[in-house]
Amino acid sequence: MPQYSDHGYYTTTQSDTFDLIAYDLYGDEYLATDIVDLNPEYSGVVVFDADVELKVPIYDSDTGAETVAPWRRPL
């Protein structure tokens, strides 16, 4: 699993899920576990409402995260 050393933020849209966010940001739904780990207060949420701010990992550059298109990277 890729390593991350920092985090950014992602604001949800209606009906987002952890795996959908991971797939949209990183192209890998299995990275959803890292998003859950950064947001334990939302671990029981299955489907998000709009405008929930989540922490999302910024992966170290040697893990392949640089292949994510710039406009899809977390801020």
N, C-alpha and C. Protein backbone atom coordinates (compact mmCIF):
# COMPACT_ATOMS: atom_id res chain seq x y z
N MET A 1 0.84 -1.18 0.00
CA MET A 1 0.00 0.00 0.00
C MET A 1 0.89 1.24 0.00
N PRO A 2 0.54 2.27 -0.78
CA PRO A 2 1.35 3.48 -0.83
C PRO A 2 1.43 4.16 0.54
N GLN A 3 2.52 4.86 0.76
CA GLN A 3 2.72 5.59 2.00
C GLN A 3 2.39 7.06 1.80
N TYR A 4 1.82 7.67 2.83
CA TYR A 4 1.54 9.09 2.76
C TYR A 4 2.15 9.78 3.98
N SER A 5 2.54 11.02 3.80
CA SER A 5 3.19 11.75 4.88
C SER A 5 2.42 13.01 5.26
N ASP A 6 1.42 13.34 4.50
CA ASP A 6 0.65 14.55 4.76
C ASP A 6 -0.78 14.31 4.29
N HIS A 7 -1.65 15.29 4.55
CA HIS A 7 -3.01 15.17 4.07
C HIS A 7 -3.51 16.50 3.54
N GLY A 8 -4.49 16.40 2.67
CA GLY A 8 -5.20 17.55 2.13
C GLY A 8 -6.65 17.41 2.54
N TYR A 9 -7.51 18.16 1.87
CA TYR A 9 -8.93 18.12 2.20
C TYR A 9 -9.77 17.90 0.95
N TYR A 10 -10.89 17.25 1.15
CA TYR A 10 -11.84 16.96 0.07
C TYR A 10 -13.22 17.27 0.61
N THR A 11 -14.02 17.99 -0.15
CA THR A 11 -15.39 18.29 0.23
C THR A 11 -16.32 17.37 -0.56
N THR A 12 -17.13 16.64 0.15
CA THR A 12 -17.99 15.64 -0.49
C THR A 12 -19.11 16.28 -1.29
N THR A 13 -19.60 15.50 -2.23
CA THR A 13 -20.84 15.82 -2.92
C THR A 13 -21.87 14.78 -2.49
N GLN A 14 -23.11 15.08 -2.71
CA GLN A 14 -24.19 14.17 -2.32
C GLN A 14 -23.93 12.78 -2.90
N SER A 15 -24.05 11.76 -2.08
CA SER A 15 -23.93 10.35 -2.45
C SER A 15 -22.49 9.85 -2.59
N ASP A 16 -21.49 10.64 -2.22
CA ASP A 16 -20.12 10.14 -2.20
C ASP A 16 -20.00 9.00 -1.20
N THR A 17 -19.09 8.08 -1.48
CA THR A 17 -18.73 7.02 -0.55
C THR A 17 -17.20 7.02 -0.44
N PHE A 18 -16.67 6.39 0.59
CA PHE A 18 -15.21 6.36 0.75
C PHE A 18 -14.53 5.74 -0.46
N ASP A 19 -15.06 4.63 -0.95
CA ASP A 19 -14.41 3.97 -2.09
C ASP A 19 -14.54 4.78 -3.37
N LEU A 20 -15.64 5.47 -3.55
CA LEU A 20 -15.80 6.32 -4.73
C LEU A 20 -14.83 7.50 -4.68
N ILE A 21 -14.65 8.08 -3.52
CA ILE A 21 -13.70 9.19 -3.37
C ILE A 21 -12.29 8.70 -3.67
N ALA A 22 -11.91 7.55 -3.12
CA ALA A 22 -10.58 7.00 -3.37
C ALA A 22 -10.36 6.71 -4.85
N TYR A 23 -11.36 6.16 -5.49
CA TYR A 23 -11.23 5.86 -6.92
C TYR A 23 -11.12 7.14 -7.74
N ASP A 24 -11.95 8.13 -7.42
CA ASP A 24 -11.92 9.40 -8.15
C ASP A 24 -10.59 10.13 -7.97
N LEU A 25 -10.05 10.12 -6.75
CA LEU A 25 -8.82 10.86 -6.48
C LEU A 25 -7.56 10.11 -6.90
N TYR A 26 -7.55 8.80 -6.69
CA TYR A 26 -6.31 8.03 -6.86
C TYR A 26 -6.40 6.91 -7.88
N GLY A 27 -7.61 6.65 -8.39
CA GLY A 27 -7.77 5.56 -9.35
C GLY A 27 -7.72 4.19 -8.71
N ASP A 28 -7.90 4.13 -7.38
CA ASP A 28 -7.82 2.85 -6.66
C ASP A 28 -8.77 2.88 -5.47
N GLU A 29 -9.86 2.18 -5.57
CA GLU A 29 -10.85 2.19 -4.49
C GLU A 29 -10.33 1.56 -3.20
N TYR A 30 -9.29 0.73 -3.29
CA TYR A 30 -8.74 0.10 -2.10
C TYR A 30 -8.01 1.08 -1.19
N LEU A 31 -7.72 2.27 -1.68
CA LEU A 31 -7.10 3.30 -0.84
C LEU A 31 -8.12 3.99 0.06
N ALA A 32 -9.36 3.57 -0.02
CA ALA A 32 -10.41 4.12 0.85
C ALA A 32 -10.07 3.90 2.32
N THR A 33 -9.38 2.84 2.65
CA THR A 33 -9.04 2.58 4.05
C THR A 33 -8.18 3.69 4.64
N ASP A 34 -7.31 4.28 3.83
CA ASP A 34 -6.49 5.40 4.31
C ASP A 34 -7.36 6.62 4.60
N ILE A 35 -8.37 6.84 3.77
CA ILE A 35 -9.27 7.98 4.00
C ILE A 35 -10.07 7.74 5.27
N VAL A 36 -10.54 6.53 5.48
CA VAL A 36 -11.27 6.20 6.71
C VAL A 36 -10.37 6.40 7.92
N ASP A 37 -9.13 5.94 7.83
CA ASP A 37 -8.19 6.09 8.95
C ASP A 37 -7.97 7.55 9.34
N LEU A 38 -7.98 8.43 8.35
CA LEU A 38 -7.80 9.86 8.62
C LEU A 38 -9.06 10.53 9.14
N ASN A 39 -10.19 9.86 9.02
CA ASN A 39 -11.48 10.43 9.39
C ASN A 39 -12.29 9.46 10.25
N PRO A 40 -11.77 9.07 11.41
CA PRO A 40 -12.46 8.06 12.21
C PRO A 40 -13.87 8.47 12.66
N GLU A 41 -14.11 9.77 12.76
CA GLU A 41 -15.44 10.23 13.16
C GLU A 41 -16.50 9.95 12.12
N TYR A 42 -16.08 9.63 10.89
CA TYR A 42 -17.02 9.31 9.81
C TYR A 42 -16.97 7.83 9.41
N SER A 43 -16.30 7.02 10.20
CA SER A 43 -16.10 5.62 9.81
C SER A 43 -17.41 4.85 9.66
N GLY A 44 -18.47 5.29 10.30
CA GLY A 44 -19.76 4.61 10.19
C GLY A 44 -20.63 5.12 9.07
N VAL A 45 -20.16 6.12 8.34
CA VAL A 45 -20.95 6.69 7.25
C VAL A 45 -20.78 5.83 6.00
N VAL A 46 -21.89 5.46 5.40
CA VAL A 46 -21.84 4.68 4.17
C VAL A 46 -21.96 5.60 2.96
N VAL A 47 -22.91 6.52 3.00
CA VAL A 47 -23.13 7.47 1.91
C VAL A 47 -23.14 8.87 2.51
N PHE A 48 -22.28 9.74 1.97
CA PHE A 48 -22.15 11.08 2.51
C PHE A 48 -23.19 12.05 1.96
N ASP A 49 -23.53 13.03 2.80
CA ASP A 49 -24.28 14.19 2.34
C ASP A 49 -23.28 15.13 1.66
N ALA A 50 -23.78 16.15 1.03
CA ALA A 50 -22.91 17.15 0.39
C ALA A 50 -22.24 18.01 1.46
N ASP A 51 -21.09 18.55 1.11
CA ASP A 51 -20.36 19.56 1.90
C ASP A 51 -19.78 19.05 3.22
N VAL A 52 -19.39 17.79 3.26
CA VAL A 52 -18.66 17.26 4.41
C VAL A 52 -17.18 17.36 4.06
N GLU A 53 -16.39 17.98 4.93
CA GLU A 53 -14.96 18.13 4.65
C GLU A 53 -14.21 16.95 5.26
N LEU A 54 -13.51 16.21 4.41
CA LEU A 54 -12.72 15.06 4.83
C LEU A 54 -11.25 15.31 4.62
N LYS A 55 -10.44 14.73 5.48
CA LYS A 55 -9.00 14.71 5.24
C LYS A 55 -8.72 13.58 4.25
N VAL A 56 -7.84 13.83 3.30
CA VAL A 56 -7.44 12.80 2.35
C VAL A 56 -5.92 12.76 2.28
N PRO A 57 -5.35 11.58 2.13
CA PRO A 57 -3.89 11.46 2.12
C PRO A 57 -3.25 12.06 0.87
N ILE A 58 -2.07 12.62 1.08
CA ILE A 58 -1.21 13.02 -0.03
C ILE A 58 -0.08 12.01 -0.02
N TYR A 59 -0.02 11.18 -1.03
CA TYR A 59 0.94 10.09 -1.07
C TYR A 59 2.31 10.58 -1.46
N ASP A 60 3.32 9.92 -0.89
CA ASP A 60 4.70 10.23 -1.22
C ASP A 60 4.92 10.05 -2.71
N SER A 61 5.75 10.87 -3.29
CA SER A 61 5.90 10.90 -4.75
C SER A 61 6.44 9.60 -5.33
N ASP A 62 7.15 8.81 -4.56
CA ASP A 62 7.71 7.58 -5.11
C ASP A 62 6.72 6.42 -5.09
N THR A 63 5.47 6.65 -4.73
CA THR A 63 4.48 5.58 -4.66
C THR A 63 3.62 5.46 -5.90
N GLY A 64 3.77 6.39 -6.86
CA GLY A 64 2.96 6.34 -8.05
C GLY A 64 1.80 7.31 -8.01
N ALA A 65 1.61 8.01 -6.90
CA ALA A 65 0.50 8.96 -6.80
C ALA A 65 0.65 10.11 -7.78
N GLU A 66 1.87 10.32 -8.30
CA GLU A 66 2.07 11.39 -9.25
C GLU A 66 1.38 11.10 -10.58
N THR A 67 0.89 9.90 -10.76
CA THR A 67 0.18 9.57 -11.98
C THR A 67 -1.25 10.08 -11.96
N VAL A 68 -1.71 10.57 -10.81
CA VAL A 68 -3.05 11.15 -10.71
C VAL A 68 -3.02 12.51 -11.40
N ALA A 69 -3.98 12.74 -12.26
CA ALA A 69 -4.04 14.02 -12.98
C ALA A 69 -4.07 15.19 -12.00
N PRO A 70 -3.38 16.28 -12.29
CA PRO A 70 -3.30 17.42 -11.36
C PRO A 70 -4.64 17.92 -10.88
N TRP A 71 -5.64 17.94 -11.75
CA TRP A 71 -6.96 18.46 -11.35
C TRP A 71 -7.72 17.49 -10.46
N ARG A 72 -7.22 16.27 -10.31
CA ARG A 72 -7.87 15.28 -9.45
C ARG A 72 -7.16 15.14 -8.11
N ARG A 73 -6.02 15.80 -7.95
CA ARG A 73 -5.29 15.71 -6.70
C ARG A 73 -5.98 16.53 -5.62
N PRO A 74 -5.92 16.08 -4.37
CA PRO A 74 -6.52 16.86 -3.30
C PRO A 74 -5.82 18.20 -3.13
N LEU A 75 -6.55 19.17 -2.68
CA LEU A 75 -5.96 20.49 -2.46
C LEU A 75 -5.17 20.53 -1.19
